[in-house]
Amino acid sequence: MVKEEEACCDEDSKSVCCSIESVVSVDERGQMVLPKEVREKAGINPGDKLAVVMMKEGEESCCITLIKVTDLSDSVKVVLGPMMKEVSGE
């Protein structure tokens, strides 16, 4: 029997896998620091902008995700680009 984590993170698997990379604290000003190892793995550099995306379950927020704005813009172009060309008749 394969453990769920092994099945999820299997190199041959096409599914997305989540893991806890670190635990951070929020200070009294609402600020937190992403550890260097996390920034390096994610390719986050000084000056990069991150979009904060919240998922809700009913009225409760259940997940917070950080997405590099450059990655988000590329995704928007891929999704909306073809639709905009169709609308404009190109």
N, C-alpha and C. Protein backbone atom coordinates (compact mmCIF):
# COMPACT_ATOMS: atom_id res chain seq x y z
N MET A 1 0.85 -1.19 0.00
CA MET A 1 0.00 0.00 0.00
C MET A 1 0.89 1.25 0.00
N VAL A 2 0.58 2.22 -0.85
CA VAL A 2 1.36 3.45 -0.97
C VAL A 2 0.76 4.51 -0.06
N LYS A 3 1.63 5.16 0.70
CA LYS A 3 1.15 6.25 1.55
C LYS A 3 0.65 7.38 0.66
N GLU A 4 -0.34 8.14 1.17
CA GLU A 4 -0.93 9.24 0.39
C GLU A 4 0.13 10.24 -0.03
N GLU A 5 1.08 10.59 0.88
CA GLU A 5 2.11 11.57 0.56
C GLU A 5 3.00 11.06 -0.57
N GLU A 6 3.35 9.78 -0.53
CA GLU A 6 4.19 9.22 -1.57
C GLU A 6 3.48 9.25 -2.91
N ALA A 7 2.19 8.93 -2.91
CA ALA A 7 1.42 8.93 -4.16
C ALA A 7 1.33 10.34 -4.72
N CYS A 8 1.13 11.30 -3.84
CA CYS A 8 0.99 12.70 -4.25
C CYS A 8 2.30 13.24 -4.81
N CYS A 9 3.39 12.93 -4.16
CA CYS A 9 4.68 13.52 -4.51
C CYS A 9 5.52 12.62 -5.40
N ASP A 10 4.94 11.54 -5.90
CA ASP A 10 5.65 10.63 -6.79
C ASP A 10 6.14 11.40 -8.00
N GLU A 11 7.38 11.17 -8.42
CA GLU A 11 7.95 11.89 -9.56
C GLU A 11 7.12 11.70 -10.83
N ASP A 12 6.49 10.53 -10.98
CA ASP A 12 5.71 10.26 -12.18
C ASP A 12 4.31 10.86 -12.11
N SER A 13 3.92 11.31 -10.93
CA SER A 13 2.57 11.84 -10.73
C SER A 13 2.45 13.21 -11.38
N LYS A 14 1.31 13.48 -12.00
CA LYS A 14 1.04 14.78 -12.62
C LYS A 14 0.27 15.69 -11.66
N SER A 15 -0.06 15.17 -10.47
CA SER A 15 -0.86 15.96 -9.53
C SER A 15 0.00 16.97 -8.79
N VAL A 16 -0.65 17.97 -8.23
CA VAL A 16 0.02 18.99 -7.45
C VAL A 16 0.21 18.46 -6.05
N CYS A 17 1.34 18.73 -5.48
CA CYS A 17 1.62 18.24 -4.13
C CYS A 17 1.93 19.42 -3.22
N CYS A 18 1.41 19.38 -2.02
CA CYS A 18 1.65 20.43 -1.05
C CYS A 18 2.50 19.90 0.10
N SER A 19 3.31 20.77 0.66
CA SER A 19 4.09 20.39 1.83
C SER A 19 4.31 21.64 2.68
N ILE A 20 4.56 21.43 3.95
CA ILE A 20 4.87 22.54 4.84
C ILE A 20 6.36 22.79 4.70
N GLU A 21 6.71 23.95 4.17
CA GLU A 21 8.11 24.31 3.96
C GLU A 21 8.71 24.98 5.18
N SER A 22 7.91 25.76 5.88
CA SER A 22 8.38 26.44 7.08
C SER A 22 7.18 26.99 7.83
N VAL A 23 7.42 27.45 9.01
CA VAL A 23 6.40 28.12 9.82
C VAL A 23 6.92 29.52 10.09
N VAL A 24 6.09 30.53 9.85
CA VAL A 24 6.49 31.92 10.07
C VAL A 24 5.59 32.55 11.11
N SER A 25 6.07 33.60 11.73
CA SER A 25 5.30 34.35 12.72
C SER A 25 4.93 35.70 12.14
N VAL A 26 3.79 36.21 12.57
CA VAL A 26 3.35 37.54 12.18
C VAL A 26 3.60 38.47 13.37
N ASP A 27 4.31 39.58 13.13
CA ASP A 27 4.60 40.49 14.23
C ASP A 27 3.44 41.44 14.48
N GLU A 28 3.61 42.33 15.44
CA GLU A 28 2.52 43.23 15.83
C GLU A 28 2.12 44.20 14.72
N ARG A 29 2.98 44.39 13.74
CA ARG A 29 2.65 45.26 12.60
C ARG A 29 2.06 44.47 11.44
N GLY A 30 1.87 43.17 11.61
CA GLY A 30 1.30 42.34 10.55
C GLY A 30 2.32 41.86 9.55
N GLN A 31 3.59 42.01 9.84
CA GLN A 31 4.64 41.62 8.91
C GLN A 31 5.17 40.22 9.25
N MET A 32 5.65 39.55 8.21
CA MET A 32 6.29 38.26 8.40
C MET A 32 7.47 38.16 7.45
N VAL A 33 8.36 37.24 7.72
CA VAL A 33 9.55 37.05 6.89
C VAL A 33 9.49 35.66 6.28
N LEU A 34 9.64 35.60 4.95
CA LEU A 34 9.76 34.31 4.29
C LEU A 34 11.21 33.88 4.41
N PRO A 35 11.46 32.70 4.95
CA PRO A 35 12.84 32.24 5.11
C PRO A 35 13.59 32.19 3.77
N LYS A 36 14.89 32.40 3.83
CA LYS A 36 15.74 32.44 2.65
C LYS A 36 15.56 31.18 1.80
N GLU A 37 15.50 30.02 2.43
CA GLU A 37 15.38 28.76 1.70
C GLU A 37 14.08 28.72 0.89
N VAL A 38 13.00 29.24 1.45
CA VAL A 38 11.71 29.27 0.76
C VAL A 38 11.79 30.24 -0.43
N ARG A 39 12.37 31.42 -0.20
CA ARG A 39 12.51 32.40 -1.28
C ARG A 39 13.36 31.84 -2.42
N GLU A 40 14.43 31.15 -2.07
CA GLU A 40 15.29 30.58 -3.11
C GLU A 40 14.55 29.50 -3.90
N LYS A 41 13.86 28.59 -3.21
CA LYS A 41 13.11 27.52 -3.89
C LYS A 41 12.04 28.09 -4.82
N ALA A 42 11.39 29.18 -4.38
CA ALA A 42 10.29 29.78 -5.15
C ALA A 42 10.79 30.81 -6.17
N GLY A 43 12.08 31.10 -6.16
CA GLY A 43 12.61 32.09 -7.09
C GLY A 43 12.13 33.49 -6.79
N ILE A 44 11.92 33.79 -5.50
CA ILE A 44 11.47 35.12 -5.09
C ILE A 44 12.69 35.97 -4.77
N ASN A 45 12.79 37.11 -5.46
CA ASN A 45 13.94 38.01 -5.31
C ASN A 45 13.49 39.35 -4.74
N PRO A 46 14.45 40.11 -4.17
CA PRO A 46 14.09 41.44 -3.66
C PRO A 46 13.40 42.26 -4.75
N GLY A 47 12.32 42.92 -4.37
CA GLY A 47 11.57 43.75 -5.31
C GLY A 47 10.44 43.02 -6.02
N ASP A 48 10.42 41.67 -5.96
CA ASP A 48 9.32 40.92 -6.58
C ASP A 48 8.01 41.26 -5.88
N LYS A 49 6.94 41.28 -6.64
CA LYS A 49 5.60 41.51 -6.09
C LYS A 49 4.88 40.18 -5.98
N LEU A 50 4.17 39.98 -4.88
CA LEU A 50 3.40 38.76 -4.66
C LEU A 50 1.93 39.11 -4.51
N ALA A 51 1.07 38.37 -5.19
CA ALA A 51 -0.38 38.52 -5.02
C ALA A 51 -0.81 37.60 -3.89
N VAL A 52 -1.65 38.11 -3.01
CA VAL A 52 -2.19 37.32 -1.91
C VAL A 52 -3.57 36.84 -2.34
N VAL A 53 -3.74 35.52 -2.44
CA VAL A 53 -5.00 34.92 -2.88
C VAL A 53 -5.59 34.15 -1.71
N MET A 54 -6.83 34.47 -1.36
CA MET A 54 -7.52 33.78 -0.26
C MET A 54 -8.60 32.88 -0.80
N MET A 55 -8.68 31.70 -0.25
CA MET A 55 -9.78 30.79 -0.57
C MET A 55 -10.72 30.78 0.63
N LYS A 56 -12.01 30.74 0.34
CA LYS A 56 -12.99 30.74 1.42
C LYS A 56 -13.80 29.46 1.40
N GLU A 57 -14.16 29.04 2.55
CA GLU A 57 -15.07 27.91 2.73
C GLU A 57 -16.24 28.48 3.51
N GLY A 58 -17.32 28.78 2.80
CA GLY A 58 -18.44 29.48 3.44
C GLY A 58 -18.00 30.90 3.74
N GLU A 59 -18.15 31.33 4.97
CA GLU A 59 -17.74 32.67 5.38
C GLU A 59 -16.32 32.70 5.91
N GLU A 60 -15.72 31.53 6.13
CA GLU A 60 -14.39 31.43 6.72
C GLU A 60 -13.31 31.37 5.65
N SER A 61 -12.21 32.07 5.89
CA SER A 61 -11.04 31.94 5.01
C SER A 61 -10.30 30.69 5.44
N CYS A 62 -9.98 29.84 4.48
CA CYS A 62 -9.32 28.58 4.85
C CYS A 62 -7.88 28.49 4.36
N CYS A 63 -7.54 29.20 3.30
CA CYS A 63 -6.19 29.11 2.74
C CYS A 63 -5.74 30.46 2.23
N ILE A 64 -4.46 30.74 2.39
CA ILE A 64 -3.84 31.93 1.83
C ILE A 64 -2.70 31.44 0.96
N THR A 65 -2.65 31.91 -0.28
CA THR A 65 -1.60 31.53 -1.21
C THR A 65 -0.90 32.78 -1.71
N LEU A 66 0.41 32.69 -1.88
CA LEU A 66 1.18 33.78 -2.46
C LEU A 66 1.58 33.36 -3.87
N ILE A 67 1.31 34.24 -4.85
CA ILE A 67 1.65 33.94 -6.24
C ILE A 67 2.46 35.12 -6.78
N LYS A 68 3.61 34.82 -7.38
CA LYS A 68 4.40 35.90 -7.98
C LYS A 68 3.55 36.57 -9.05
N VAL A 69 3.48 37.90 -9.02
CA VAL A 69 2.64 38.65 -9.95
C VAL A 69 3.04 38.35 -11.39
N THR A 70 4.32 38.16 -11.65
CA THR A 70 4.73 37.85 -13.02
C THR A 70 4.12 36.53 -13.48
N ASP A 71 4.04 35.55 -12.59
CA ASP A 71 3.42 34.27 -12.94
C ASP A 71 1.92 34.44 -13.13
N LEU A 72 1.31 35.26 -12.30
CA LEU A 72 -0.12 35.51 -12.40
C LEU A 72 -0.45 36.23 -13.71
N SER A 73 0.36 37.21 -14.09
CA SER A 73 0.12 37.92 -15.35
C SER A 73 0.22 36.98 -16.53
N ASP A 74 1.21 36.09 -16.51
CA ASP A 74 1.35 35.13 -17.61
C ASP A 74 0.12 34.24 -17.71
N SER A 75 -0.40 33.81 -16.55
CA SER A 75 -1.60 32.96 -16.54
C SER A 75 -2.81 33.70 -17.10
N VAL A 76 -2.95 34.97 -16.72
CA VAL A 76 -4.07 35.78 -17.21
C VAL A 76 -3.98 35.93 -18.72
N LYS A 77 -2.78 36.17 -19.24
CA LYS A 77 -2.60 36.30 -20.69
C LYS A 77 -2.99 35.01 -21.41
N VAL A 78 -2.60 33.87 -20.85
CA VAL A 78 -2.92 32.58 -21.47
C VAL A 78 -4.42 32.35 -21.49
N VAL A 79 -5.09 32.70 -20.40
CA VAL A 79 -6.53 32.46 -20.28
C VAL A 79 -7.33 33.49 -21.07
N LEU A 80 -7.01 34.77 -20.89
CA LEU A 80 -7.82 35.82 -21.49
C LEU A 80 -7.40 36.19 -22.91
N GLY A 81 -6.15 35.98 -23.26
CA GLY A 81 -5.67 36.35 -24.59
C GLY A 81 -6.52 35.80 -25.72
N PRO A 82 -6.74 34.47 -25.78
CA PRO A 82 -7.55 33.93 -26.86
C PRO A 82 -8.99 34.46 -26.87
N MET A 83 -9.55 34.67 -25.68
CA MET A 83 -10.92 35.21 -25.60
C MET A 83 -10.97 36.63 -26.15
N MET A 84 -9.95 37.44 -25.81
CA MET A 84 -9.93 38.83 -26.28
C MET A 84 -9.76 38.88 -27.80
N LYS A 85 -8.95 37.99 -28.37
CA LYS A 85 -8.79 37.95 -29.82
C LYS A 85 -10.11 37.59 -30.50
N GLU A 86 -10.83 36.65 -29.88
CA GLU A 86 -12.12 36.22 -30.44
C GLU A 86 -13.12 37.38 -30.39
N VAL A 87 -13.17 38.09 -29.29
CA VAL A 87 -14.10 39.21 -29.13
C VAL A 87 -13.77 40.34 -30.11
N SER A 88 -12.47 40.60 -30.29
CA SER A 88 -12.07 41.71 -31.17
C SER A 88 -12.10 41.32 -32.64
N GLY A 89 -12.32 40.02 -32.93
CA GLY A 89 -12.42 39.57 -34.31
C GLY A 89 -11.10 39.35 -35.00
N GLU A 90 -10.01 39.28 -34.26
CA GLU A 90 -8.70 39.05 -34.88
C GLU A 90 -8.51 37.62 -35.29
